[in-house]
Amino acid sequence: MSTFILDYPLAPEAQLPVALDLAVATLRRLRDRHPAVAVAGDSAGGGLALAALTQATDQGIEVAGAAVFSPWTDLSLSGASVSAHAIGDPLLDPAYLRQSAAAYLGDTTADDPRASPLVNASGGLPPILVQVGTDEILLDDAVRYAEAVHTAGGQVELQVWQGMHRVFQFNVEQLGSARRAVASAGEFVAARLQT
């Protein structure tokens, strides 16, 4: 399938809502040119993808679905895994997340749904696949988001991968789990684009 990678502006030079507005505008343009479009993202990009999906849906932009990996959905860092997995997570720590959140938010509060899609998880979104590893500090961000969408009546598939770290899907050469996860995500997205 054709893929477009958005080189969105990063914090601290660009704060909310610059990247989000660009992502939504890009979805609109892509949707005007293609019969179906899906979104994907990992970590902070996964949170941005979900926030953009929500904004796009609210604006009547039809998106076929989303696949997100270790999405950061709560910039207030209220999930228990942020502290519970702080020592074991090899890639992230709470202090780095706090600094990153402050740089991205600027004057916006962390409970703004444009920053923290968990705040406004909706059942009216297109189908979503969420993949996360059990050993990462963003575990609760992914699990709570998926549970909130499910509770709201939405279509969401949560895949929790035992013993895996944040965005383990990058390690396709080393990990059989990564290869299976990427294949599963590919099948999910392809099925959404064909319907």
C-alpha atoms as a PDB file:
ATOM      1  CA  MET A   1       0.000   0.000   0.000  1.00  0.00           C
ATOM      2  CA  SER A   2       1.090   3.578  -0.500  1.00  0.00           C
ATOM      3  CA  THR A   3       2.478   5.272   2.595  1.00  0.00           C
ATOM      4  CA  PHE A   4       2.898   8.940   3.469  1.00  0.00           C
ATOM      5  CA  ILE A   5       5.098   9.933   6.412  1.00  0.00           C
ATOM      6  CA  LEU A   6       4.325  13.365   7.823  1.00  0.00           C
ATOM      7  CA  ASP A   7       7.426  15.265   8.956  1.00  0.00           C
ATOM      8  CA  TYR A   8       5.510  17.226  11.573  1.00  0.00           C
ATOM      9  CA  PRO A   9       7.107  20.054  13.575  1.00  0.00           C
ATOM     10  CA  LEU A  10       8.457  19.080  16.981  1.00  0.00           C
ATOM     11  CA  ALA A  11       8.500  20.709  20.401  1.00  0.00           C
ATOM     12  CA  PRO A  12       9.814  22.917  21.855  1.00  0.00           C
ATOM     13  CA  GLU A  13      10.005  24.972  18.641  1.00  0.00           C
ATOM     14  CA  ALA A  14       6.404  24.075  17.779  1.00  0.00           C
ATOM     15  CA  GLN A  15       3.874  23.693  20.580  1.00  0.00           C
ATOM     16  CA  LEU A  16       0.301  22.473  20.583  1.00  0.00           C
ATOM     17  CA  PRO A  17      -1.689  22.763  18.308  1.00  0.00           C
ATOM     18  CA  VAL A  18       0.801  23.253  15.446  1.00  0.00           C
ATOM     19  CA  ALA A  19       1.575  19.566  14.773  1.00  0.00           C
ATOM     20  CA  LEU A  20      -2.031  18.522  15.377  1.00  0.00           C
ATOM     21  CA  ASP A  21      -3.429  21.121  12.980  1.00  0.00           C
ATOM     22  CA  LEU A  22      -0.928  20.044  10.324  1.00  0.00           C
ATOM     23  CA  ALA A  23      -1.807  16.361  10.838  1.00  0.00           C
ATOM     24  CA  VAL A  24      -5.534  17.026  10.448  1.00  0.00           C
ATOM     25  CA  ALA A  25      -5.013  19.235   7.384  1.00  0.00           C
ATOM     26  CA  THR A  26      -2.809  16.504   5.884  1.00  0.00           C
ATOM     27  CA  LEU A  27      -5.493  13.894   6.511  1.00  0.00           C
ATOM     28  CA  ARG A  28      -7.996  16.123   4.711  1.00  0.00           C
ATOM     29  CA  ARG A  29      -5.705  16.503   1.704  1.00  0.00           C
ATOM     30  CA  LEU A  30      -4.886  12.790   1.579  1.00  0.00           C
ATOM     31  CA  ARG A  31      -8.544  11.866   1.875  1.00  0.00           C
ATOM     32  CA  ASP A  32      -9.366  14.187  -1.032  1.00  0.00           C
ATOM     33  CA  ARG A  33      -6.876  12.269  -3.188  1.00  0.00           C
ATOM     34  CA  HIS A  34      -7.411   8.669  -2.062  1.00  0.00           C
ATOM     35  CA  PRO A  35     -10.484   6.460  -1.611  1.00  0.00           C
ATOM     36  CA  ALA A  36      -9.380   5.396   1.883  1.00  0.00           C
ATOM     37  CA  VAL A  37      -6.793   6.585   4.404  1.00  0.00           C
ATOM     38  CA  ALA A  38      -5.618   5.120   7.712  1.00  0.00           C
ATOM     39  CA  VAL A  39      -3.300   6.620  10.313  1.00  0.00           C
ATOM     40  CA  ALA A  40      -0.492   5.119  12.359  1.00  0.00           C
ATOM     41  CA  GLY A  41       2.002   6.338  14.912  1.00  0.00           C
ATOM     42  CA  ASP A  42       4.163   5.332  17.820  1.00  0.00           C
ATOM     43  CA  SER A  43       4.709   6.812  21.272  1.00  0.00           C
ATOM     44  CA  ALA A  44       4.167  10.612  21.095  1.00  0.00           C
ATOM     45  CA  GLY A  45       3.349  10.134  17.417  1.00  0.00           C
ATOM     46  CA  GLY A  46       0.761   7.558  18.439  1.00  0.00           C
ATOM     47  CA  GLY A  47      -0.882  10.088  20.718  1.00  0.00           C
ATOM     48  CA  LEU A  48      -0.778  12.651  17.908  1.00  0.00           C
ATOM     49  CA  ALA A  49      -2.312  10.111  15.515  1.00  0.00           C
ATOM     50  CA  LEU A  50      -5.199   9.452  17.927  1.00  0.00           C
ATOM     51  CA  ALA A  51      -5.749  13.163  18.579  1.00  0.00           C
ATOM     52  CA  ALA A  52      -5.736  13.812  14.816  1.00  0.00           C
ATOM     53  CA  LEU A  53      -8.145  10.915  14.283  1.00  0.00           C
ATOM     54  CA  THR A  54     -10.545  12.453  16.794  1.00  0.00           C
ATOM     55  CA  GLN A  55     -10.283  15.942  15.255  1.00  0.00           C
ATOM     56  CA  ALA A  56     -10.660  14.552  11.739  1.00  0.00           C
ATOM     57  CA  THR A  57     -13.746  12.568  12.732  1.00  0.00           C
ATOM     58  CA  ASP A  58     -15.246  15.658  14.379  1.00  0.00           C
ATOM     59  CA  GLN A  59     -14.617  17.618  11.160  1.00  0.00           C
ATOM     60  CA  GLY A  60     -16.248  14.982   8.960  1.00  0.00           C
ATOM     61  CA  ILE A  61     -12.990  13.709   7.446  1.00  0.00           C
ATOM     62  CA  GLU A  62     -13.497  10.002   6.859  1.00  0.00           C
ATOM     63  CA  VAL A  63     -10.571   7.916   8.093  1.00  0.00           C
ATOM     64  CA  ALA A  64     -10.681   4.144   7.690  1.00  0.00           C
ATOM     65  CA  GLY A  65      -8.859   3.253  10.902  1.00  0.00           C
ATOM     66  CA  ALA A  66      -5.741   3.620  13.001  1.00  0.00           C
ATOM     67  CA  ALA A  67      -2.887   1.487  14.265  1.00  0.00           C
ATOM     68  CA  VAL A  68      -0.862   2.884  17.152  1.00  0.00           C
ATOM     69  CA  PHE A  69       2.134   1.481  18.962  1.00  0.00           C
ATOM     70  CA  SER A  70       2.849   2.387  22.603  1.00  0.00           C
ATOM     71  CA  PRO A  71       0.749   5.546  22.269  1.00  0.00           C
ATOM     72  CA  TRP A  72       1.289   8.374  24.732  1.00  0.00           C
ATOM     73  CA  THR A  73      -2.330   9.265  25.470  1.00  0.00           C
ATOM     74  CA  ASP A  74      -2.069  11.021  28.847  1.00  0.00           C
ATOM     75  CA  LEU A  75       0.393  13.890  29.176  1.00  0.00           C
ATOM     76  CA  SER A  76      -0.520  14.287  32.858  1.00  0.00           C
ATOM     77  CA  LEU A  77       1.393  11.004  33.446  1.00  0.00           C
ATOM     78  CA  SER A  78      -1.334   9.678  35.745  1.00  0.00           C
ATOM     79  CA  GLY A  79      -0.997   6.034  34.668  1.00  0.00           C
ATOM     80  CA  ALA A  80       0.369   3.708  37.339  1.00  0.00           C
ATOM     81  CA  SER A  81       2.873   2.171  34.893  1.00  0.00           C
ATOM     82  CA  VAL A  82       4.694   5.505  34.588  1.00  0.00           C
ATOM     83  CA  SER A  83       6.144   4.980  38.050  1.00  0.00           C
ATOM     84  CA  ALA A  84       5.742   1.202  38.370  1.00  0.00           C
ATOM     85  CA  HIS A  85       7.846   0.520  35.254  1.00  0.00           C
ATOM     86  CA  ALA A  86      10.185   3.494  35.561  1.00  0.00           C
ATOM     87  CA  ILE A  87      13.207   1.372  36.494  1.00  0.00           C
ATOM     88  CA  GLY A  88      12.584  -1.461  34.041  1.00  0.00           C
ATOM     89  CA  ASP A  89      11.748   0.582  30.922  1.00  0.00           C
ATOM     90  CA  PRO A  90      14.996   0.783  28.924  1.00  0.00           C
ATOM     91  CA  LEU A  91      13.852   3.646  26.687  1.00  0.00           C
ATOM     92  CA  LEU A  92      11.811   6.162  28.687  1.00  0.00           C
ATOM     93  CA  ASP A  93      11.757   7.634  32.164  1.00  0.00           C
ATOM     94  CA  PRO A  94       9.199   9.866  33.921  1.00  0.00           C
ATOM     95  CA  ALA A  95      11.503  12.901  34.074  1.00  0.00           C
ATOM     96  CA  TYR A  96      11.991  12.835  30.297  1.00  0.00           C
ATOM     97  CA  LEU A  97       8.237  12.512  29.760  1.00  0.00           C
ATOM     98  CA  ARG A  98       7.550  15.459  32.085  1.00  0.00           C
ATOM     99  CA  GLN A  99      10.039  17.624  30.182  1.00  0.00           C
ATOM    100  CA  SER A 100       8.634  16.538  26.838  1.00  0.00           C
ATOM    101  CA  ALA A 101       5.052  17.209  27.936  1.00  0.00           C
ATOM    102  CA  ALA A 102       5.946  20.699  29.168  1.00  0.00           C
ATOM    103  CA  ALA A 103       7.766  21.492  25.912  1.00  0.00           C
ATOM    104  CA  TYR A 104       4.813  20.334  23.792  1.00  0.00           C
ATOM    105  CA  LEU A 105       2.012  21.806  25.901  1.00  0.00           C
ATOM    106  CA  GLY A 106       3.298  25.338  26.348  1.00  0.00           C
ATOM    107  CA  ASP A 107       0.414  27.173  28.041  1.00  0.00           C
ATOM    108  CA  THR A 108      -2.046  24.313  27.410  1.00  0.00           C
ATOM    109  CA  THR A 109      -2.996  22.032  30.293  1.00  0.00           C
ATOM    110  CA  ALA A 110      -2.291  18.312  30.138  1.00  0.00           C
ATOM    111  CA  ASP A 111      -5.998  17.488  30.366  1.00  0.00           C
ATOM    112  CA  ASP A 112      -6.706  19.138  26.999  1.00  0.00           C
ATOM    113  CA  PRO A 113      -7.943  16.304  24.746  1.00  0.00           C
ATOM    114  CA  ARG A 114      -5.900  17.710  21.840  1.00  0.00           C
ATOM    115  CA  ALA A 115      -2.817  16.814  23.894  1.00  0.00           C
ATOM    116  CA  SER A 116      -4.122  13.800  25.820  1.00  0.00           C
ATOM    117  CA  PRO A 117      -6.530  11.763  23.668  1.00  0.00           C
ATOM    118  CA  LEU A 118      -7.370   9.599  26.697  1.00  0.00           C
ATOM    119  CA  VAL A 119      -9.415  12.528  28.047  1.00  0.00           C
ATOM    120  CA  ASN A 120     -11.863  12.358  25.152  1.00  0.00           C
ATOM    121  CA  ALA A 121     -11.687   8.721  24.039  1.00  0.00           C
ATOM    122  CA  SER A 122     -14.796   8.223  21.958  1.00  0.00           C
ATOM    123  CA  GLY A 123     -16.887   5.375  20.638  1.00  0.00           C
ATOM    124  CA  GLY A 124     -17.522   7.285  17.420  1.00  0.00           C
ATOM    125  CA  LEU A 125     -14.043   6.777  16.000  1.00  0.00           C
ATOM    126  CA  PRO A 126     -13.019   4.421  13.192  1.00  0.00           C
ATOM    127  CA  PRO A 127     -11.600   1.012  14.214  1.00  0.00           C
ATOM    128  CA  ILE A 128      -8.347   1.257  16.171  1.00  0.00           C
ATOM    129  CA  LEU A 129      -5.553  -1.226  16.842  1.00  0.00           C
ATOM    130  CA  VAL A 130      -3.404  -0.538  19.909  1.00  0.00           C
ATOM    131  CA  GLN A 131      -0.185  -2.476  20.503  1.00  0.00           C
ATOM    132  CA  VAL A 132       1.886  -2.120  23.672  1.00  0.00           C
ATOM    133  CA  GLY A 133       4.482  -4.072  25.633  1.00  0.00           C
ATOM    134  CA  THR A 134       4.083  -5.137  29.244  1.00  0.00           C
ATOM    135  CA  ASP A 135       7.477  -3.728  30.272  1.00  0.00           C
ATOM    136  CA  GLU A 136       7.042  -0.078  29.345  1.00  0.00           C
ATOM    137  CA  ILE A 137       5.954   2.992  31.229  1.00  0.00           C
ATOM    138  CA  LEU A 138       3.298   3.820  28.611  1.00  0.00           C
ATOM    139  CA  LEU A 139       1.487   0.520  29.204  1.00  0.00           C
ATOM    140  CA  ASP A 140      -1.352   2.171  31.112  1.00  0.00           C
ATOM    141  CA  ASP A 141      -1.699   4.925  28.505  1.00  0.00           C
ATOM    142  CA  ALA A 142      -2.427   2.280  25.882  1.00  0.00           C
ATOM    143  CA  VAL A 143      -4.599   0.038  28.053  1.00  0.00           C
ATOM    144  CA  ARG A 144      -6.700   2.851  29.522  1.00  0.00           C
ATOM    145  CA  TYR A 145      -7.249   4.423  26.109  1.00  0.00           C
ATOM    146  CA  ALA A 146      -8.384   1.129  24.581  1.00  0.00           C
ATOM    147  CA  GLU A 147     -10.667   0.437  27.553  1.00  0.00           C
ATOM    148  CA  ALA A 148     -12.207   3.913  27.322  1.00  0.00           C
ATOM    149  CA  VAL A 149     -12.941   3.542  23.602  1.00  0.00           C
ATOM    150  CA  HIS A 150     -14.408   0.080  24.202  1.00  0.00           C
ATOM    151  CA  THR A 151     -16.570   1.342  27.078  1.00  0.00           C
ATOM    152  CA  ALA A 152     -17.832   4.151  24.836  1.00  0.00           C
ATOM    153  CA  GLY A 153     -18.929   1.533  22.280  1.00  0.00           C
ATOM    154  CA  GLY A 154     -16.066   1.945  19.834  1.00  0.00           C
ATOM    155  CA  GLN A 155     -14.201  -0.679  17.849  1.00  0.00           C
ATOM    156  CA  VAL A 156     -10.767  -1.174  19.363  1.00  0.00           C
ATOM    157  CA  GLU A 157      -8.383  -4.101  19.449  1.00  0.00           C
ATOM    158  CA  LEU A 158      -5.796  -4.071  22.231  1.00  0.00           C
ATOM    159  CA  GLN A 159      -2.722  -6.283  21.855  1.00  0.00           C
ATOM    160  CA  VAL A 160      -0.508  -6.437  24.954  1.00  0.00           C
ATOM    161  CA  TRP A 161       2.818  -8.123  24.176  1.00  0.00           C
ATOM    162  CA  GLN A 162       4.402  -9.946  27.102  1.00  0.00           C
ATOM    163  CA  GLY A 163       7.933  -8.904  28.042  1.00  0.00           C
ATOM    164  CA  MET A 164       8.173  -6.273  25.318  1.00  0.00           C
ATOM    165  CA  HIS A 165       9.541  -2.729  25.569  1.00  0.00           C
ATOM    166  CA  ARG A 166       8.301   0.476  23.958  1.00  0.00           C
ATOM    167  CA  VAL A 167       7.908   0.260  20.180  1.00  0.00           C
ATOM    168  CA  PHE A 168       9.502  -3.183  20.085  1.00  0.00           C
ATOM    169  CA  GLN A 169       8.044  -3.378  16.560  1.00  0.00           C
ATOM    170  CA  PHE A 170      11.189  -1.581  15.329  1.00  0.00           C
ATOM    171  CA  ASN A 171      13.249  -4.685  16.123  1.00  0.00           C
ATOM    172  CA  VAL A 172      11.915  -6.883  13.319  1.00  0.00           C
ATOM    173  CA  GLU A 173      15.351  -8.348  12.555  1.00  0.00           C
ATOM    174  CA  GLN A 174      15.934  -9.463  16.154  1.00  0.00           C
ATOM    175  CA  LEU A 175      12.475 -10.287  17.548  1.00  0.00           C
ATOM    176  CA  GLY A 176       9.908 -12.759  16.327  1.00  0.00           C
ATOM    177  CA  SER A 177       7.343 -10.858  18.412  1.00  0.00           C
ATOM    178  CA  ALA A 178       8.130  -7.694  16.470  1.00  0.00           C
ATOM    179  CA  ARG A 179       7.612  -9.471  13.160  1.00  0.00           C
ATOM    180  CA  ARG A 180       4.292 -10.906  14.318  1.00  0.00           C
ATOM    181  CA  ALA A 181       3.163  -7.531  15.682  1.00  0.00           C
ATOM    182  CA  VAL A 182       4.024  -5.691  12.471  1.00  0.00           C
ATOM    183  CA  ALA A 183       2.282  -8.371  10.400  1.00  0.00           C
ATOM    184  CA  SER A 184      -0.806  -8.089  12.603  1.00  0.00           C
ATOM    185  CA  ALA A 185      -0.846  -4.305  12.264  1.00  0.00           C
ATOM    186  CA  GLY A 186      -0.415  -4.571   8.508  1.00  0.00           C
ATOM    187  CA  GLU A 187      -3.326  -6.972   8.236  1.00  0.00           C
ATOM    188  CA  PHE A 188      -5.468  -4.710  10.413  1.00  0.00           C
ATOM    189  CA  VAL A 189      -4.751  -1.604   8.337  1.00  0.00           C
ATOM    190  CA  ALA A 190      -5.134  -3.435   5.012  1.00  0.00           C
ATOM    191  CA  ALA A 191      -8.529  -4.779   6.064  1.00  0.00           C
ATOM    192  CA  ARG A 192      -9.713  -1.279   7.015  1.00  0.00           C
ATOM    193  CA  LEU A 193      -8.547   0.201   3.718  1.00  0.00           C
ATOM    194  CA  GLN A 194     -10.400  -2.464   1.727  1.00  0.00           C
ATOM    195  CA  THR A 195     -13.794  -1.966   3.373  1.00  0.00           C
END
